[in-house]
Amino acid sequence: MNMDDSNYKFFQHITCEYFPCHRVEALEDFNCLFCYCPLYALGKNCGGQFSYTDKGVKNCSKCDFPHHRDHYEAVLERLARLIEQVKVTKI
């Protein structure tokens, strides 16, 4: 089995009332797998398009990075960084 064709890397929930939650050019490539962005906690190092509100809240409404079909591995790589940060930071 070719790992690039693995079903676990892509999912669309087209009956979701929020689908798609971001504007995209190619709806057929919109990935719902990371519905709630696992990279949010990386703050400015998440790699996506975001801004901060006047109150300092991260606004990801213009970011579709985790929703690209081809970004599965990139999201996992960044998640690994987050896990390493949490290991180093003793809470």
PDB file of N, CA and C in Angstrom:
ATOM      1  N   MET A   1       0.838  -1.192   0.000  1.00  0.00           N
ATOM      2  CA  MET A   1       0.000   0.000   0.000  1.00  0.00           C
ATOM      3  C   MET A   1       0.875   1.245   0.000  1.00  0.00           C
ATOM      4  N   ASN A   2       0.625   2.159  -0.890  1.00  0.00           N
ATOM      5  CA  ASN A   2       1.343   3.424  -0.964  1.00  0.00           C
ATOM      6  C   ASN A   2       0.883   4.315   0.186  1.00  0.00           C
ATOM      7  N   MET A   3       1.814   4.742   1.051  1.00  0.00           N
ATOM      8  CA  MET A   3       1.460   5.548   2.218  1.00  0.00           C
ATOM      9  C   MET A   3       0.849   6.893   1.831  1.00  0.00           C
ATOM     10  N   ASP A   4       1.151   7.392   0.648  1.00  0.00           N
ATOM     11  CA  ASP A   4       0.594   8.669   0.210  1.00  0.00           C
ATOM     12  C   ASP A   4      -0.899   8.573  -0.085  1.00  0.00           C
ATOM     13  N   ASP A   5      -1.393   7.366  -0.278  1.00  0.00           N
ATOM     14  CA  ASP A   5      -2.805   7.158  -0.571  1.00  0.00           C
ATOM     15  C   ASP A   5      -3.596   6.716   0.662  1.00  0.00           C
ATOM     16  N   SER A   6      -2.981   6.781   1.832  1.00  0.00           N
ATOM     17  CA  SER A   6      -3.620   6.290   3.053  1.00  0.00           C
ATOM     18  C   SER A   6      -4.829   7.130   3.419  1.00  0.00           C
ATOM     19  N   ASN A   7      -5.919   6.451   3.708  1.00  0.00           N
ATOM     20  CA  ASN A   7      -7.158   7.126   4.062  1.00  0.00           C
ATOM     21  C   ASN A   7      -7.085   7.877   5.382  1.00  0.00           C
ATOM     22  N   TYR A   8      -6.235   7.459   6.292  1.00  0.00           N
ATOM     23  CA  TYR A   8      -6.169   8.101   7.602  1.00  0.00           C
ATOM     24  C   TYR A   8      -5.625   9.529   7.555  1.00  0.00           C
ATOM     25  N   LYS A   9      -5.066   9.941   6.429  1.00  0.00           N
ATOM     26  CA  LYS A   9      -4.494  11.285   6.304  1.00  0.00           C
ATOM     27  C   LYS A   9      -5.500  12.324   5.835  1.00  0.00           C
ATOM     28  N   PHE A  10      -6.670  11.886   5.427  1.00  0.00           N
ATOM     29  CA  PHE A  10      -7.628  12.825   4.843  1.00  0.00           C
ATOM     30  C   PHE A  10      -9.046  12.432   5.228  1.00  0.00           C
ATOM     31  N   PHE A  11      -9.846  13.433   5.593  1.00  0.00           N
ATOM     32  CA  PHE A  11     -11.230  13.210   5.977  1.00  0.00           C
ATOM     33  C   PHE A  11     -12.032  14.467   5.683  1.00  0.00           C
ATOM     34  N   GLN A  12     -13.219  14.301   5.134  1.00  0.00           N
ATOM     35  CA  GLN A  12     -14.123  15.436   4.930  1.00  0.00           C
ATOM     36  C   GLN A  12     -15.459  15.131   5.600  1.00  0.00           C
ATOM     37  N   HIS A  13     -15.903  16.089   6.381  1.00  0.00           N
ATOM     38  CA  HIS A  13     -17.213  15.970   7.039  1.00  0.00           C
ATOM     39  C   HIS A  13     -18.138  16.974   6.345  1.00  0.00           C
ATOM     40  N   ILE A  14     -18.575  16.624   5.156  1.00  0.00           N
ATOM     41  CA  ILE A  14     -19.327  17.570   4.319  1.00  0.00           C
ATOM     42  C   ILE A  14     -20.715  17.877   4.861  1.00  0.00           C
ATOM     43  N   THR A  15     -21.223  17.077   5.800  1.00  0.00           N
ATOM     44  CA  THR A  15     -22.527  17.384   6.393  1.00  0.00           C
ATOM     45  C   THR A  15     -22.400  18.277   7.626  1.00  0.00           C
ATOM     46  N   CYS A  16     -21.188  18.638   7.998  1.00  0.00           N
ATOM     47  CA  CYS A  16     -20.972  19.547   9.133  1.00  0.00           C
ATOM     48  C   CYS A  16     -21.560  20.906   8.805  1.00  0.00           C
ATOM     49  N   GLU A  17     -22.229  21.507   9.755  1.00  0.00           N
ATOM     50  CA  GLU A  17     -22.841  22.817   9.520  1.00  0.00           C
ATOM     51  C   GLU A  17     -21.807  23.918   9.269  1.00  0.00           C
ATOM     52  N   TYR A  18     -20.540  23.657   9.577  1.00  0.00           N
ATOM     53  CA  TYR A  18     -19.489  24.654   9.358  1.00  0.00           C
ATOM     54  C   TYR A  18     -18.621  24.357   8.135  1.00  0.00           C
ATOM     55  N   PHE A  19     -18.924  23.285   7.423  1.00  0.00           N
ATOM     56  CA  PHE A  19     -18.096  22.899   6.279  1.00  0.00           C
ATOM     57  C   PHE A  19     -18.318  23.816   5.092  1.00  0.00           C
ATOM     58  N   PRO A  20     -17.270  24.342   4.519  1.00  0.00           N
ATOM     59  CA  PRO A  20     -15.912  24.409   5.049  1.00  0.00           C
ATOM     60  C   PRO A  20     -15.794  25.572   6.029  1.00  0.00           C
ATOM     61  N   CYS A  21     -14.961  25.414   7.018  1.00  0.00           N
ATOM     62  CA  CYS A  21     -14.826  26.457   8.046  1.00  0.00           C
ATOM     63  C   CYS A  21     -13.900  27.584   7.599  1.00  0.00           C
ATOM     64  N   HIS A  22     -13.187  27.391   6.507  1.00  0.00           N
ATOM     65  CA  HIS A  22     -12.304  28.411   5.940  1.00  0.00           C
ATOM     66  C   HIS A  22     -12.533  28.465   4.436  1.00  0.00           C
ATOM     67  N   ARG A  23     -12.296  29.619   3.857  1.00  0.00           N
ATOM     68  CA  ARG A  23     -12.389  29.745   2.397  1.00  0.00           C
ATOM     69  C   ARG A  23     -11.186  29.067   1.775  1.00  0.00           C
ATOM     70  N   VAL A  24     -11.451  28.264   0.767  1.00  0.00           N
ATOM     71  CA  VAL A  24     -10.385  27.544   0.084  1.00  0.00           C
ATOM     72  C   VAL A  24     -10.644  27.566  -1.413  1.00  0.00           C
ATOM     73  N   GLU A  25      -9.565  27.389  -2.171  1.00  0.00           N
ATOM     74  CA  GLU A  25      -9.687  27.366  -3.623  1.00  0.00           C
ATOM     75  C   GLU A  25     -10.193  26.017  -4.121  1.00  0.00           C
ATOM     76  N   ALA A  26      -9.727  24.944  -3.512  1.00  0.00           N
ATOM     77  CA  ALA A  26     -10.072  23.599  -3.982  1.00  0.00           C
ATOM     78  C   ALA A  26     -10.808  22.855  -2.865  1.00  0.00           C
ATOM     79  N   LEU A  27     -12.102  22.923  -2.875  1.00  0.00           N
ATOM     80  CA  LEU A  27     -12.915  22.309  -1.830  1.00  0.00           C
ATOM     81  C   LEU A  27     -12.678  20.800  -1.721  1.00  0.00           C
ATOM     82  N   GLU A  28     -12.383  20.149  -2.839  1.00  0.00           N
ATOM     83  CA  GLU A  28     -12.159  18.703  -2.816  1.00  0.00           C
ATOM     84  C   GLU A  28     -10.896  18.320  -2.043  1.00  0.00           C
ATOM     85  N   ASP A  29     -10.013  19.281  -1.788  1.00  0.00           N
ATOM     86  CA  ASP A  29      -8.791  19.034  -1.026  1.00  0.00           C
ATOM     87  C   ASP A  29      -8.874  19.542   0.407  1.00  0.00           C
ATOM     88  N   PHE A  30     -10.042  19.991   0.835  1.00  0.00           N
ATOM     89  CA  PHE A  30     -10.207  20.519   2.190  1.00  0.00           C
ATOM     90  C   PHE A  30     -10.261  19.369   3.179  1.00  0.00           C
ATOM     91  N   ASN A  31      -9.300  19.313   4.086  1.00  0.00           N
ATOM     92  CA  ASN A  31      -9.165  18.224   5.047  1.00  0.00           C
ATOM     93  C   ASN A  31      -9.731  18.630   6.404  1.00  0.00           C
ATOM     94  N   CYS A  32     -10.701  17.878   6.883  1.00  0.00           N
ATOM     95  CA  CYS A  32     -11.325  18.137   8.184  1.00  0.00           C
ATOM     96  C   CYS A  32     -10.654  17.354   9.313  1.00  0.00           C
ATOM     97  N   LEU A  33      -9.619  16.600   9.004  1.00  0.00           N
ATOM     98  CA  LEU A  33      -8.984  15.747   9.995  1.00  0.00           C
ATOM     99  C   LEU A  33      -8.551  16.531  11.231  1.00  0.00           C
ATOM    100  N   PHE A  34      -7.971  17.695  11.018  1.00  0.00           N
ATOM    101  CA  PHE A  34      -7.537  18.533  12.135  1.00  0.00           C
ATOM    102  C   PHE A  34      -8.544  19.662  12.316  1.00  0.00           C
ATOM    103  N   CYS A  35      -9.754  19.301  12.631  1.00  0.00           N
ATOM    104  CA  CYS A  35     -10.839  20.273  12.758  1.00  0.00           C
ATOM    105  C   CYS A  35     -10.458  21.380  13.734  1.00  0.00           C
ATOM    106  N   TYR A  36     -10.031  21.009  14.909  1.00  0.00           N
ATOM    107  CA  TYR A  36      -9.504  21.981  15.870  1.00  0.00           C
ATOM    108  C   TYR A  36      -7.997  21.912  15.739  1.00  0.00           C
ATOM    109  N   CYS A  37      -7.395  22.995  15.387  1.00  0.00           N
ATOM    110  CA  CYS A  37      -5.970  22.996  15.047  1.00  0.00           C
ATOM    111  C   CYS A  37      -5.104  22.536  16.209  1.00  0.00           C
ATOM    112  N   PRO A  38      -4.357  21.449  16.018  1.00  0.00           N
ATOM    113  CA  PRO A  38      -3.461  20.978  17.069  1.00  0.00           C
ATOM    114  C   PRO A  38      -2.229  21.866  17.222  1.00  0.00           C
ATOM    115  N   LEU A  39      -2.043  22.814  16.310  1.00  0.00           N
ATOM    116  CA  LEU A  39      -0.857  23.673  16.333  1.00  0.00           C
ATOM    117  C   LEU A  39      -1.106  25.002  17.042  1.00  0.00           C
ATOM    118  N   TYR A  40      -2.320  25.246  17.462  1.00  0.00           N
ATOM    119  CA  TYR A  40      -2.677  26.522  18.095  1.00  0.00           C
ATOM    120  C   TYR A  40      -1.733  26.854  19.252  1.00  0.00           C
ATOM    121  N   ALA A  41      -1.401  25.858  20.043  1.00  0.00           N
ATOM    122  CA  ALA A  41      -0.569  26.067  21.225  1.00  0.00           C
ATOM    123  C   ALA A  41       0.868  26.466  20.894  1.00  0.00           C
ATOM    124  N   LEU A  42       1.274  26.325  19.643  1.00  0.00           N
ATOM    125  CA  LEU A  42       2.619  26.744  19.253  1.00  0.00           C
ATOM    126  C   LEU A  42       2.727  28.260  19.109  1.00  0.00           C
ATOM    127  N   GLY A  43       1.611  28.947  19.237  1.00  0.00           N
ATOM    128  CA  GLY A  43       1.624  30.408  19.153  1.00  0.00           C
ATOM    129  C   GLY A  43       2.175  30.888  17.826  1.00  0.00           C
ATOM    130  N   LYS A  44       3.125  31.803  17.880  1.00  0.00           N
ATOM    131  CA  LYS A  44       3.681  32.390  16.652  1.00  0.00           C
ATOM    132  C   LYS A  44       4.482  31.395  15.825  1.00  0.00           C
ATOM    133  N   ASN A  45       4.795  30.230  16.381  1.00  0.00           N
ATOM    134  CA  ASN A  45       5.586  29.224  15.680  1.00  0.00           C
ATOM    135  C   ASN A  45       4.740  28.135  15.022  1.00  0.00           C
ATOM    136  N   CYS A  46       3.439  28.348  14.905  1.00  0.00           N
ATOM    137  CA  CYS A  46       2.558  27.319  14.342  1.00  0.00           C
ATOM    138  C   CYS A  46       2.758  27.142  12.838  1.00  0.00           C
ATOM    139  N   GLY A  47       3.202  28.173  12.150  1.00  0.00           N
ATOM    140  CA  GLY A  47       3.438  28.075  10.717  1.00  0.00           C
ATOM    141  C   GLY A  47       2.266  28.504   9.854  1.00  0.00           C
ATOM    142  N   GLY A  48       1.169  28.882  10.470  1.00  0.00           N
ATOM    143  CA  GLY A  48      -0.015  29.279   9.720  1.00  0.00           C
ATOM    144  C   GLY A  48      -0.176  30.783   9.620  1.00  0.00           C
ATOM    145  N   GLN A  49      -1.204  31.187   8.891  1.00  0.00           N
ATOM    146  CA  GLN A  49      -1.540  32.608   8.748  1.00  0.00           C
ATOM    147  C   GLN A  49      -2.489  32.978   9.870  1.00  0.00           C
ATOM    148  N   PHE A  50      -2.049  33.795  10.783  1.00  0.00           N
ATOM    149  CA  PHE A  50      -2.872  34.182  11.914  1.00  0.00           C
ATOM    150  C   PHE A  50      -2.580  35.630  12.262  1.00  0.00           C
ATOM    151  N   SER A  51      -3.373  36.157  13.151  1.00  0.00           N
ATOM    152  CA  SER A  51      -3.143  37.497  13.683  1.00  0.00           C
ATOM    153  C   SER A  51      -3.547  37.447  15.148  1.00  0.00           C
ATOM    154  N   TYR A  52      -3.297  38.515  15.835  1.00  0.00           N
ATOM    155  CA  TYR A  52      -3.744  38.624  17.219  1.00  0.00           C
ATOM    156  C   TYR A  52      -4.759  39.752  17.303  1.00  0.00           C
ATOM    157  N   THR A  53      -5.793  39.540  18.077  1.00  0.00           N
ATOM    158  CA  THR A  53      -6.802  40.572  18.273  1.00  0.00           C
ATOM    159  C   THR A  53      -6.236  41.645  19.197  1.00  0.00           C
ATOM    160  N   ASP A  54      -6.972  42.729  19.327  1.00  0.00           N
ATOM    161  CA  ASP A  54      -6.550  43.804  20.226  1.00  0.00           C
ATOM    162  C   ASP A  54      -6.404  43.330  21.666  1.00  0.00           C
ATOM    163  N   LYS A  55      -7.112  42.264  22.002  1.00  0.00           N
ATOM    164  CA  LYS A  55      -7.052  41.719  23.365  1.00  0.00           C
ATOM    165  C   LYS A  55      -5.996  40.624  23.509  1.00  0.00           C
ATOM    166  N   GLY A  56      -5.218  40.390  22.445  1.00  0.00           N
ATOM    167  CA  GLY A  56      -4.137  39.422  22.505  1.00  0.00           C
ATOM    168  C   GLY A  56      -4.542  37.983  22.247  1.00  0.00           C
ATOM    169  N   VAL A  57      -5.735  37.776  21.702  1.00  0.00           N
ATOM    170  CA  VAL A  57      -6.206  36.428  21.394  1.00  0.00           C
ATOM    171  C   VAL A  57      -5.788  36.065  19.967  1.00  0.00           C
ATOM    172  N   LYS A  58      -5.268  34.880  19.803  1.00  0.00           N
ATOM    173  CA  LYS A  58      -4.839  34.421  18.490  1.00  0.00           C
ATOM    174  C   LYS A  58      -6.062  34.193  17.607  1.00  0.00           C
ATOM    175  N   ASN A  59      -6.055  34.799  16.416  1.00  0.00           N
ATOM    176  CA  ASN A  59      -7.160  34.694  15.463  1.00  0.00           C
ATOM    177  C   ASN A  59      -6.677  33.898  14.253  1.00  0.00           C
ATOM    178  N   CYS A  60      -7.226  32.707  14.098  1.00  0.00           N
ATOM    179  CA  CYS A  60      -6.806  31.803  13.021  1.00  0.00           C
ATOM    180  C   CYS A  60      -7.829  31.720  11.893  1.00  0.00           C
ATOM    181  N   SER A  61      -8.750  32.656  11.845  1.00  0.00           N
ATOM    182  CA  SER A  61      -9.837  32.564  10.869  1.00  0.00           C
ATOM    183  C   SER A  61      -9.365  32.632   9.419  1.00  0.00           C
ATOM    184  N   LYS A  62      -8.193  33.178   9.155  1.00  0.00           N
ATOM    185  CA  LYS A  62      -7.675  33.257   7.783  1.00  0.00           C
ATOM    186  C   LYS A  62      -6.644  32.168   7.492  1.00  0.00           C
ATOM    187  N   CYS A  63      -6.488  31.246   8.429  1.00  0.00           N
ATOM    188  CA  CYS A  63      -5.500  30.179   8.261  1.00  0.00           C
ATOM    189  C   CYS A  63      -6.182  28.886   7.849  1.00  0.00           C
ATOM    190  N   ASP A  64      -5.669  28.288   6.805  1.00  0.00           N
ATOM    191  CA  ASP A  64      -6.191  26.988   6.379  1.00  0.00           C
ATOM    192  C   ASP A  64      -5.076  25.939   6.307  1.00  0.00           C
ATOM    193  N   PHE A  65      -3.937  26.228   6.903  1.00  0.00           N
ATOM    194  CA  PHE A  65      -2.772  25.331   6.838  1.00  0.00           C
ATOM    195  C   PHE A  65      -3.108  23.885   7.209  1.00  0.00           C
ATOM    196  N   PRO A  66      -3.736  23.609   8.368  1.00  0.00           N
ATOM    197  CA  PRO A  66      -3.988  22.207   8.712  1.00  0.00           C
ATOM    198  C   PRO A  66      -5.075  21.556   7.864  1.00  0.00           C
ATOM    199  N   HIS A  67      -5.763  22.335   7.048  1.00  0.00           N
ATOM    200  CA  HIS A  67      -6.860  21.812   6.237  1.00  0.00           C
ATOM    201  C   HIS A  67      -6.458  21.446   4.808  1.00  0.00           C
ATOM    202  N   HIS A  68      -5.187  21.625   4.471  1.00  0.00           N
ATOM    203  CA  HIS A  68      -4.716  21.229   3.139  1.00  0.00           C
ATOM    204  C   HIS A  68      -4.469  19.728   3.105  1.00  0.00           C
ATOM    205  N   ARG A  69      -4.933  19.099   2.097  1.00  0.00           N
ATOM    206  CA  ARG A  69      -4.771  17.646   1.935  1.00  0.00           C
ATOM    207  C   ARG A  69      -3.304  17.239   2.077  1.00  0.00           C
ATOM    208  N   ASP A  70      -2.391  18.024   1.527  1.00  0.00           N
ATOM    209  CA  ASP A  70      -0.973  17.654   1.484  1.00  0.00           C
ATOM    210  C   ASP A  70      -0.172  18.088   2.718  1.00  0.00           C
ATOM    211  N   HIS A  71      -0.813  18.611   3.740  1.00  0.00           N
ATOM    212  CA  HIS A  71      -0.076  19.110   4.902  1.00  0.00           C
ATOM    213  C   HIS A  71      -0.075  18.156   6.094  1.00  0.00           C
ATOM    214  N   TYR A  72      -0.549  16.948   5.918  1.00  0.00           N
ATOM    215  CA  TYR A  72      -0.615  15.987   7.023  1.00  0.00           C
ATOM    216  C   TYR A  72       0.746  15.815   7.708  1.00  0.00           C
ATOM    217  N   GLU A  73       1.783  15.509   6.936  1.00  0.00           N
ATOM    218  CA  GLU A  73       3.114  15.295   7.517  1.00  0.00           C
ATOM    219  C   GLU A  73       3.648  16.561   8.178  1.00  0.00           C
ATOM    220  N   ALA A  74       3.417  17.714   7.572  1.00  0.00           N
ATOM    221  CA  ALA A  74       3.891  18.973   8.141  1.00  0.00           C
ATOM    222  C   ALA A  74       3.223  19.256   9.485  1.00  0.00           C
ATOM    223  N   VAL A  75       1.946  18.949   9.595  1.00  0.00           N
ATOM    224  CA  VAL A  75       1.247  19.130  10.874  1.00  0.00           C
ATOM    225  C   VAL A  75       1.850  18.199  11.916  1.00  0.00           C
ATOM    226  N   LEU A  76       2.106  16.950  11.557  1.00  0.00           N
ATOM    227  CA  LEU A  76       2.697  16.006  12.505  1.00  0.00           C
ATOM    228  C   LEU A  76       4.097  16.431  12.936  1.00  0.00           C
ATOM    229  N   GLU A  77       4.873  16.983  12.014  1.00  0.00           N
ATOM    230  CA  GLU A  77       6.219  17.464  12.363  1.00  0.00           C
ATOM    231  C   GLU A  77       6.133  18.598  13.376  1.00  0.00           C
ATOM    232  N   ARG A  78       5.206  19.509  13.156  1.00  0.00           N
ATOM    233  CA  ARG A  78       5.045  20.620  14.100  1.00  0.00           C
ATOM    234  C   ARG A  78       4.487  20.137  15.440  1.00  0.00           C
ATOM    235  N   LEU A  79       3.630  19.144  15.408  1.00  0.00           N
ATOM    236  CA  LEU A  79       3.127  18.549  16.652  1.00  0.00           C
ATOM    237  C   LEU A  79       4.269  17.936  17.453  1.00  0.00           C
ATOM    238  N   ALA A  80       5.207  17.320  16.767  1.00  0.00           N
ATOM    239  CA  ALA A  80       6.367  16.740  17.448  1.00  0.00           C
ATOM    240  C   ALA A  80       7.161  17.829  18.158  1.00  0.00           C
ATOM    241  N   ARG A  81       7.280  19.003  17.534  1.00  0.00           N
ATOM    242  CA  ARG A  81       7.961  20.136  18.175  1.00  0.00           C
ATOM    243  C   ARG A  81       7.223  20.560  19.439  1.00  0.00           C
ATOM    244  N   LEU A  82       5.906  20.596  19.355  1.00  0.00           N
ATOM    245  CA  LEU A  82       5.100  20.977  20.513  1.00  0.00           C
ATOM    246  C   LEU A  82       5.297  19.970  21.645  1.00  0.00           C
ATOM    247  N   ILE A  83       5.313  18.707  21.320  1.00  0.00           N
ATOM    248  CA  ILE A  83       5.514  17.671  22.329  1.00  0.00           C
ATOM    249  C   ILE A  83       6.876  17.832  22.986  1.00  0.00           C
ATOM    250  N   GLU A  84       7.904  18.125  22.191  1.00  0.00           N
ATOM    251  CA  GLU A  84       9.252  18.346  22.747  1.00  0.00           C
ATOM    252  C   GLU A  84       9.264  19.560  23.657  1.00  0.00           C
ATOM    253  N   GLN A  85       8.564  20.619  23.295  1.00  0.00           N
ATOM    254  CA  GLN A  85       8.507  21.813  24.140  1.00  0.00           C
ATOM    255  C   GLN A  85       7.861  21.503  25.468  1.00  0.00           C
ATOM    256  N   VAL A  86       6.819  20.710  25.443  1.00  0.00           N
ATOM    257  CA  VAL A  86       6.134  20.361  26.672  1.00  0.00           C
ATOM    258  C   VAL A  86       7.018  19.472  27.546  1.00  0.00           C
ATOM    259  N   LYS A  87       7.793  18.594  26.937  1.00  0.00           N
ATOM    260  CA  LYS A  87       8.718  17.748  27.695  1.00  0.00           C
ATOM    261  C   LYS A  87       9.765  18.588  28.406  1.00  0.00           C
ATOM    262  N   VAL A  88      10.282  19.591  27.711  1.00  0.00           N
ATOM    263  CA  VAL A  88      11.337  20.438  28.263  1.00  0.00           C
ATOM    264  C   VAL A  88      10.774  21.355  29.338  1.00  0.00           C
ATOM    265  N   THR A  89       9.560  21.873  29.118  1.00  0.00           N
ATOM    266  CA  THR A  89       8.948  22.767  30.064  1.00  0.00           C
ATOM    267  C   THR A  89       8.266  21.930  31.153  1.00  0.00           C
ATOM    268  N   LYS A  90       8.818  21.949  32.324  1.00  0.00           N
ATOM    269  CA  LYS A  90       8.246  21.163  33.421  1.00  0.00           C
ATOM    270  C   LYS A  90       7.145  21.982  34.065  1.00  0.00           C
ATOM    271  N   ILE A  91       5.939  21.491  33.883  1.00  0.00           N
ATOM    272  CA  ILE A  91       4.772  22.226  34.378  1.00  0.00           C
ATOM    273  C   ILE A  91       4.512  21.867  35.823  1.00  0.00           C
TER     274      ILE A  91
END
